[in-house]
Amino acid sequence: MENRYAKQELFSPIGREGQNLLQTKHILIMGAGALGSANAEMLVRAGIGKVTIIDRDIVESSNLHRQQLYTEKEAEEHTPKAIAAKERLQRINQDTIIDAFVLDADAANLEKLIRNVNLIIDGTDNFDIRFILNDLSQKYQIPWIFGASAGSFGMTYTFIPGKTPCLHCLFPSIPGIGMSCDTSGIIGPAIQMTASYQTTEAMKWLTENEEALRTSLLFFDIWHGQQQTIGMNKGKNKECLSCGNHRTYPYLNQQEAAYIDVLCGQDTVQIRPSSKKKYDFSYIAKHLQSHGHVRSNSYVLTCLYRDYRLAVFYDGRVLIHGAKKKDEAKSIYNEFFAETNLNLVTKE
């Protein structure tokens, strides 16, 4: 059979040597939403050796206009994105090793998964996780490729420990909410363009074409055909606590607490309890049948509750679909647990 990578090897910056390198590399993709899934598909098709995918969410019908790995079937079955991505990607290239984790990423669980990785790709939608990724990148000397997209805009930048400023250099604290798909919507081509730039930079690094890496922040508006780059080298700060002379990696040392997060573009709020919990799904299903249809798989139980749909994960997280505000979601969460008197078992 013809070498499936023959045309890619004809591209001289990669060649046979670069292709062989690519097949030995391991990348971690944080988030299997729009950017994460697009990056994953391109890199798996390109012949990457191993991919680790981390995502906390399930496939929704509102994802399908921009998240090309998924179908209506996964949305109807509420399949976790990490699992749906793995199944689809494995059908694309059975030679790539793919590990998928359905979890809400934090410093502790990410640090366990990151140590043998060659590159990190940002497919998340919040800066809390990005600052954790940034500290892990600096601590373990692993480059990471930032990406963000909203409306028809996209931006990307490659952070290389020891050479470029890090995220903490550029932002002394976690920035507030700016433009997002909740406020500006999102079109599929903006996602694909952003992911294409991310994947291209990834392929340069993984095939040891470091001299070809872009050293600036790239920003574009695909709708209006505009693009600009911004030099970032002067942003490096010797006093930075993440990459400077006296680093402490501050975002790896934060205490875990209850966390309420609005998910981008879904009218969904996630609530994560302060301590690890494990739910008795059979107990939940028994007490919620009267509210509407209850279904579950190996990772999540979904049910109707009043005008909301709840997705309850084994790790203790609850997604409240239909809630637009944190206070609204918290009220439903408390009411739900009070009414059903759920049996919670602490994980050991």
Protein backbone atom coordinates (compact mmCIF):
# COMPACT_ATOMS: atom_id res chain seq x y z
CA MET A 1 0.00 0.00 0.00
CA GLU A 2 1.22 3.50 -0.79
CA ASN A 3 2.69 5.32 2.17
CA ARG A 4 -0.23 7.31 3.59
CA TYR A 5 2.11 10.21 4.41
CA ALA A 6 3.82 10.32 1.01
CA LYS A 7 2.42 13.72 0.03
CA GLN A 8 3.29 15.18 3.42
CA GLU A 9 6.83 13.85 3.14
CA LEU A 10 7.17 15.58 -0.24
CA PHE A 11 6.90 18.87 1.64
CA SER A 12 10.62 19.51 2.06
CA PRO A 13 10.61 21.09 5.57
CA ILE A 14 9.13 17.82 6.87
CA GLY A 15 10.40 15.09 4.57
CA ARG A 16 10.86 11.47 5.65
CA GLU A 17 12.98 12.46 8.65
CA GLY A 18 10.37 14.87 9.95
CA GLN A 19 7.61 12.33 9.44
CA ASN A 20 9.56 9.77 11.45
CA LEU A 21 10.00 12.34 14.23
CA LEU A 22 6.28 13.16 14.22
CA GLN A 23 5.43 9.50 14.74
CA THR A 24 7.50 9.42 17.95
CA LYS A 25 5.94 12.50 19.56
CA HIS A 26 3.32 12.84 22.29
CA ILE A 27 1.01 15.85 22.53
CA LEU A 28 -1.53 16.81 25.16
CA ILE A 29 -4.66 18.63 24.01
CA MET A 30 -6.44 20.51 26.76
CA GLY A 31 -10.10 20.60 25.75
CA ALA A 32 -11.91 18.61 23.05
CA GLY A 33 -14.26 21.40 22.00
CA ALA A 34 -13.93 23.38 18.79
CA LEU A 35 -10.20 24.19 18.82
CA GLY A 36 -9.12 21.01 20.58
CA SER A 37 -11.00 18.64 18.30
CA ALA A 38 -9.85 20.46 15.15
CA ASN A 39 -6.20 20.31 16.26
CA ALA A 40 -6.57 16.67 17.25
CA GLU A 41 -7.98 15.63 13.89
CA MET A 42 -5.30 17.40 11.86
CA LEU A 43 -2.46 16.02 13.96
CA VAL A 44 -3.82 12.47 14.00
CA ARG A 45 -4.23 12.60 10.23
CA ALA A 46 -0.65 13.90 10.01
CA GLY A 47 0.63 10.82 11.86
CA ILE A 48 1.33 12.00 15.40
CA GLY A 49 2.51 9.13 17.61
CA LYS A 50 0.39 9.73 20.71
CA VAL A 51 -2.37 12.11 21.77
CA THR A 52 -3.72 12.69 25.28
CA ILE A 53 -7.11 14.42 25.27
CA ILE A 54 -8.68 15.98 28.36
CA ASP A 55 -12.20 17.39 28.45
CA ARG A 56 -14.92 17.81 31.06
CA ASP A 57 -17.99 18.25 28.84
CA ILE A 58 -20.49 16.21 26.82
CA VAL A 59 -21.44 16.65 23.16
CA GLU A 60 -24.37 19.03 22.62
CA SER A 61 -26.33 19.80 19.47
CA SER A 62 -25.15 23.43 19.77
CA ASN A 63 -21.57 22.19 19.25
CA LEU A 64 -22.17 20.62 15.87
CA HIS A 65 -21.89 23.71 13.68
CA ARG A 66 -18.22 24.11 14.59
CA GLN A 67 -16.94 20.88 16.20
CA GLN A 68 -16.40 18.62 13.22
CA LEU A 69 -15.46 15.40 15.02
CA TYR A 70 -18.96 14.96 16.42
CA THR A 71 -22.34 13.93 15.04
CA GLU A 72 -25.99 14.08 16.04
CA LYS A 73 -25.66 10.58 17.48
CA GLU A 74 -23.11 11.66 20.11
CA ALA A 75 -25.25 14.70 20.95
CA GLU A 76 -28.37 12.55 21.42
CA GLU A 77 -26.48 10.09 23.62
CA HIS A 78 -24.73 12.85 25.63
CA THR A 79 -21.35 11.23 24.98
CA PRO A 80 -18.41 12.88 26.75
CA LYS A 81 -16.37 14.80 24.18
CA ALA A 82 -13.09 13.15 25.13
CA ILE A 83 -14.59 9.69 24.50
CA ALA A 84 -16.34 10.69 21.28
CA ALA A 85 -13.12 12.28 20.05
CA LYS A 86 -11.07 9.19 20.83
CA GLU A 87 -13.49 6.86 19.04
CA ARG A 88 -13.60 9.04 15.94
CA LEU A 89 -9.85 9.68 15.84
CA GLN A 90 -9.03 6.01 16.28
CA ARG A 91 -11.12 5.26 13.20
CA ILE A 92 -9.12 7.88 11.30
CA ASN A 93 -5.70 6.51 12.30
CA GLN A 94 -5.42 3.29 14.26
CA ASP A 95 -1.65 3.68 14.55
CA THR A 96 -1.90 6.76 16.78
CA ILE A 97 -2.13 5.98 20.51
CA ILE A 98 -4.99 8.01 21.98
CA ASP A 99 -5.66 8.43 25.69
CA ALA A 100 -8.88 10.19 26.67
CA PHE A 101 -9.75 11.54 30.12
CA VAL A 102 -13.18 12.79 31.16
CA LEU A 103 -12.29 15.14 33.97
CA ASP A 104 -12.31 18.72 35.13
CA ALA A 105 -8.66 19.66 34.85
CA ASP A 106 -6.80 21.15 37.78
CA ALA A 107 -3.15 21.51 38.75
CA ALA A 108 -2.99 18.13 40.50
CA ASN A 109 -4.46 15.92 37.79
CA LEU A 110 -2.77 17.79 34.95
CA GLU A 111 0.65 17.45 36.54
CA LYS A 112 0.24 13.67 36.57
CA LEU A 113 -0.56 13.59 32.85
CA ILE A 114 1.93 16.08 31.48
CA ARG A 115 5.37 14.76 32.32
CA ASN A 116 6.07 12.68 29.21
CA VAL A 117 4.51 15.14 26.77
CA ASN A 118 6.44 16.94 24.02
CA LEU A 119 3.93 19.73 23.42
CA ILE A 120 0.68 21.11 24.87
CA ILE A 121 -2.10 22.54 22.72
CA ASP A 122 -4.62 24.91 24.26
CA GLY A 123 -8.19 24.04 23.32
CA THR A 124 -9.78 25.40 26.46
CA ASP A 125 -12.00 28.44 26.83
CA ASN A 126 -10.91 29.91 30.16
CA PHE A 127 -7.82 31.56 31.56
CA ASP A 128 -7.84 29.70 34.88
CA ILE A 129 -6.73 26.51 33.14
CA ARG A 130 -4.39 28.40 30.81
CA PHE A 131 -2.48 29.81 33.78
CA ILE A 132 -2.13 26.30 35.21
CA LEU A 133 -0.92 25.04 31.82
CA ASN A 134 1.52 27.93 31.69
CA ASP A 135 3.05 27.07 35.09
CA LEU A 136 3.31 23.39 34.16
CA SER A 137 4.91 24.38 30.86
CA GLN A 138 7.57 26.38 32.68
CA LYS A 139 8.14 23.79 35.41
CA TYR A 140 8.64 20.89 32.99
CA GLN A 141 10.06 22.88 30.04
CA ILE A 142 7.25 21.89 27.67
CA PRO A 143 6.12 24.40 25.01
CA TRP A 144 2.43 25.18 24.68
CA ILE A 145 0.40 26.79 21.92
CA PHE A 146 -2.28 29.25 22.95
CA GLY A 147 -5.40 29.63 20.85
CA ALA A 148 -8.66 31.56 21.22
CA SER A 149 -11.55 32.38 18.93
CA ALA A 150 -14.85 34.28 19.09
CA GLY A 151 -17.11 35.79 16.46
CA SER A 152 -14.98 35.84 13.32
CA PHE A 153 -11.77 36.53 15.23
CA GLY A 154 -8.94 34.24 16.21
CA MET A 155 -5.53 34.51 17.83
CA THR A 156 -2.64 32.22 18.61
CA TYR A 157 0.84 32.35 20.14
CA THR A 158 3.51 29.76 20.90
CA PHE A 159 5.03 29.88 24.40
CA ILE A 160 8.50 28.33 24.57
CA PRO A 161 10.07 28.05 28.05
CA GLY A 162 13.38 29.88 28.29
CA LYS A 163 12.91 31.74 25.00
CA THR A 164 9.61 33.61 24.93
CA PRO A 165 7.71 35.49 27.62
CA CYS A 166 5.19 33.26 29.37
CA LEU A 167 1.48 33.94 29.85
CA HIS A 168 2.10 35.26 33.37
CA CYS A 169 4.64 37.75 31.99
CA LEU A 170 1.97 39.17 29.70
CA PHE A 171 -0.87 39.07 32.25
CA PRO A 172 0.16 39.71 35.88
CA SER A 173 -3.24 38.33 36.95
CA ILE A 174 -6.03 36.32 35.36
CA PRO A 175 -7.86 38.68 32.98
CA GLY A 176 -11.57 39.35 33.31
CA ILE A 177 -14.11 38.12 30.80
CA GLY A 178 -13.73 39.82 27.42
CA MET A 179 -15.08 38.89 24.03
CA SER A 180 -16.42 35.34 24.02
CA CYS A 181 -18.71 33.08 22.04
CA ASP A 182 -21.41 33.86 24.63
CA THR A 183 -21.36 37.55 23.73
CA SER A 184 -20.23 37.49 20.09
CA GLY A 185 -21.18 34.04 18.84
CA ILE A 186 -18.74 32.02 16.74
CA ILE A 187 -18.47 30.81 13.15
CA GLY A 188 -16.82 27.57 12.13
CA PRO A 189 -14.24 29.07 9.73
CA ALA A 190 -12.75 31.19 12.56
CA ILE A 191 -12.23 28.00 14.55
CA GLN A 192 -10.68 26.13 11.64
CA MET A 193 -8.32 29.01 10.83
CA THR A 194 -7.16 29.35 14.44
CA ALA A 195 -6.66 25.60 14.77
CA SER A 196 -4.78 25.49 11.45
CA TYR A 197 -2.29 28.06 12.72
CA GLN A 198 -1.92 26.14 15.99
CA THR A 199 -1.41 22.82 14.24
CA THR A 200 1.13 24.31 11.83
CA GLU A 201 3.20 25.65 14.72
CA ALA A 202 2.89 22.26 16.42
CA MET A 203 4.18 20.47 13.34
CA LYS A 204 7.15 22.86 13.13
CA TRP A 205 8.13 22.14 16.72
CA LEU A 206 7.54 18.39 16.56
CA THR A 207 9.58 17.98 13.36
CA GLU A 208 12.42 20.10 14.81
CA ASN A 209 11.88 23.08 12.50
CA GLU A 210 12.25 25.48 15.40
CA GLU A 211 13.71 28.26 13.23
CA ALA A 212 10.41 28.44 11.34
CA LEU A 213 8.30 29.11 14.44
CA ARG A 214 6.40 32.38 14.47
CA THR A 215 7.68 34.62 17.27
CA SER A 216 4.71 37.00 17.37
CA LEU A 217 1.11 36.93 18.50
CA LEU A 218 -1.10 36.40 15.46
CA PHE A 219 -4.53 38.05 15.42
CA PHE A 220 -7.01 37.86 12.53
CA ASP A 221 -10.58 38.57 11.49
CA ILE A 222 -11.54 36.02 8.88
CA TRP A 223 -14.85 37.73 8.05
CA HIS A 224 -13.18 40.98 7.01
CA GLY A 225 -9.97 39.40 5.74
CA GLN A 226 -7.75 41.25 8.19
CA GLN A 227 -4.64 40.00 9.97
CA GLN A 228 -1.91 41.46 12.15
CA THR A 229 1.01 40.27 14.24
CA ILE A 230 2.32 41.74 17.47
CA GLY A 231 5.87 41.21 18.69
CA MET A 232 5.98 39.81 22.23
CA ASN A 233 9.68 39.44 23.08
CA LYS A 234 9.84 42.66 25.11
CA GLY A 235 7.15 41.27 27.39
CA LYS A 236 9.51 38.84 29.13
CA ASN A 237 9.75 39.68 32.84
CA LYS A 238 12.74 38.54 34.92
CA GLU A 239 10.63 38.93 38.07
CA CYS A 240 7.81 36.72 36.79
CA LEU A 241 6.82 34.14 39.39
CA SER A 242 6.14 31.55 36.68
CA CYS A 243 9.28 31.86 34.52
CA GLY A 244 11.56 34.42 36.17
CA ASN A 245 14.65 34.16 38.34
CA HIS A 246 12.72 33.33 41.52
CA ARG A 247 9.82 31.30 40.24
CA THR A 248 7.21 29.80 42.58
CA TYR A 249 4.64 28.53 40.04
CA PRO A 250 1.77 30.25 41.88
CA TYR A 251 -1.04 28.67 39.88
CA LEU A 252 0.06 25.16 40.85
CA ASN A 253 -0.32 25.90 44.55
CA GLN A 254 -3.87 27.19 44.79
CA GLN A 255 -6.18 25.42 47.20
CA GLU A 256 -8.99 23.45 45.61
CA ALA A 257 -12.38 24.94 46.30
CA ALA A 258 -15.94 24.75 45.09
CA TYR A 259 -15.98 26.15 41.59
CA ILE A 260 -18.82 27.50 39.48
CA ASP A 261 -18.09 28.11 35.83
CA VAL A 262 -20.22 29.32 32.91
CA LEU A 263 -19.42 27.22 29.83
CA CYS A 264 -18.85 29.13 26.62
CA GLY A 265 -21.82 29.40 24.25
CA GLN A 266 -24.04 26.74 25.80
CA ASP A 267 -26.34 28.35 28.39
CA THR A 268 -24.70 25.88 30.75
CA VAL A 269 -23.10 26.26 34.17
CA GLN A 270 -20.76 23.72 35.75
CA ILE A 271 -20.65 23.25 39.51
CA ARG A 272 -17.74 21.35 41.02
CA PRO A 273 -17.91 20.55 44.75
CA SER A 274 -15.01 21.47 46.99
CA SER A 275 -14.34 17.83 47.94
CA LYS A 276 -14.23 14.83 45.64
CA LYS A 277 -17.57 13.03 45.42
CA LYS A 278 -18.84 9.90 43.80
CA TYR A 279 -22.53 9.60 43.03
CA ASP A 280 -24.75 6.55 43.23
CA PHE A 281 -26.29 6.74 39.76
CA SER A 282 -28.95 4.13 40.47
CA TYR A 283 -30.09 6.13 43.47
CA ILE A 284 -30.29 9.33 41.43
CA ALA A 285 -32.20 7.65 38.59
CA LYS A 286 -34.74 6.13 40.98
CA HIS A 287 -35.58 9.48 42.52
CA LEU A 288 -35.68 11.47 39.28
CA GLN A 289 -37.90 9.30 37.08
CA SER A 290 -40.91 11.42 38.01
CA HIS A 291 -39.26 14.55 36.57
CA GLY A 292 -38.63 13.17 33.10
CA HIS A 293 -36.42 10.90 31.07
CA VAL A 294 -33.26 9.69 32.79
CA ARG A 295 -30.40 8.11 30.85
CA SER A 296 -26.82 7.24 31.66
CA ASN A 297 -23.65 5.80 30.20
CA SER A 298 -20.33 4.84 31.73
CA TYR A 299 -19.40 8.45 32.43
CA VAL A 300 -22.47 10.61 32.98
CA LEU A 301 -26.13 10.52 33.97
CA THR A 302 -28.50 13.04 32.40
CA CYS A 303 -31.99 13.88 33.54
CA LEU A 304 -34.66 16.53 33.24
CA TYR A 305 -35.36 18.63 36.30
CA ARG A 306 -37.97 21.35 36.00
CA ASP A 307 -36.92 23.40 32.94
CA TYR A 308 -33.31 22.26 33.10
CA ARG A 309 -31.28 19.27 32.06
CA LEU A 310 -28.69 18.06 34.52
CA ALA A 311 -25.58 16.12 33.58
CA VAL A 312 -24.10 14.42 36.64
CA PHE A 313 -20.56 13.03 36.29
CA TYR A 314 -18.97 10.29 38.37
CA ASP A 315 -16.28 12.69 39.54
CA GLY A 316 -18.82 14.87 41.33
CA ARG A 317 -19.35 17.60 38.78
CA VAL A 318 -22.81 18.70 37.65
CA LEU A 319 -23.59 20.58 34.44
CA ILE A 320 -26.85 22.52 34.54
CA HIS A 321 -28.05 23.09 30.98
CA GLY A 322 -30.51 25.93 30.55
CA ALA A 323 -28.96 28.06 33.28
CA LYS A 324 -27.37 31.29 32.09
CA LYS A 325 -26.16 32.71 35.40
CA LYS A 326 -24.16 31.29 38.28
CA ASP A 327 -26.75 32.21 40.93
CA GLU A 328 -29.50 30.53 38.94
CA ALA A 329 -27.43 27.35 38.57
CA LYS A 330 -26.45 27.29 42.23
CA SER A 331 -30.11 27.55 43.25
CA ILE A 332 -31.08 24.62 41.03
CA TYR A 333 -28.10 22.60 42.25
CA ASN A 334 -29.05 23.10 45.90
CA GLU A 335 -32.72 22.43 45.23
CA PHE A 336 -31.90 19.28 43.28
CA PHE A 337 -29.79 17.79 46.04
CA ALA A 338 -32.23 18.77 48.75
CA GLU A 339 -35.20 17.24 46.96
CA THR A 340 -33.60 13.97 45.96
CA ASN A 341 -31.53 13.52 49.16
CA LEU A 342 -28.71 12.13 47.06
CA ASN A 343 -26.38 9.58 48.57
CA LEU A 344 -22.82 10.85 48.21
CA VAL A 345 -19.82 8.64 48.72
CA THR A 346 -16.42 10.31 49.15
CA LYS A 347 -13.79 8.97 46.77
CA GLU A 348 -10.83 7.27 48.37
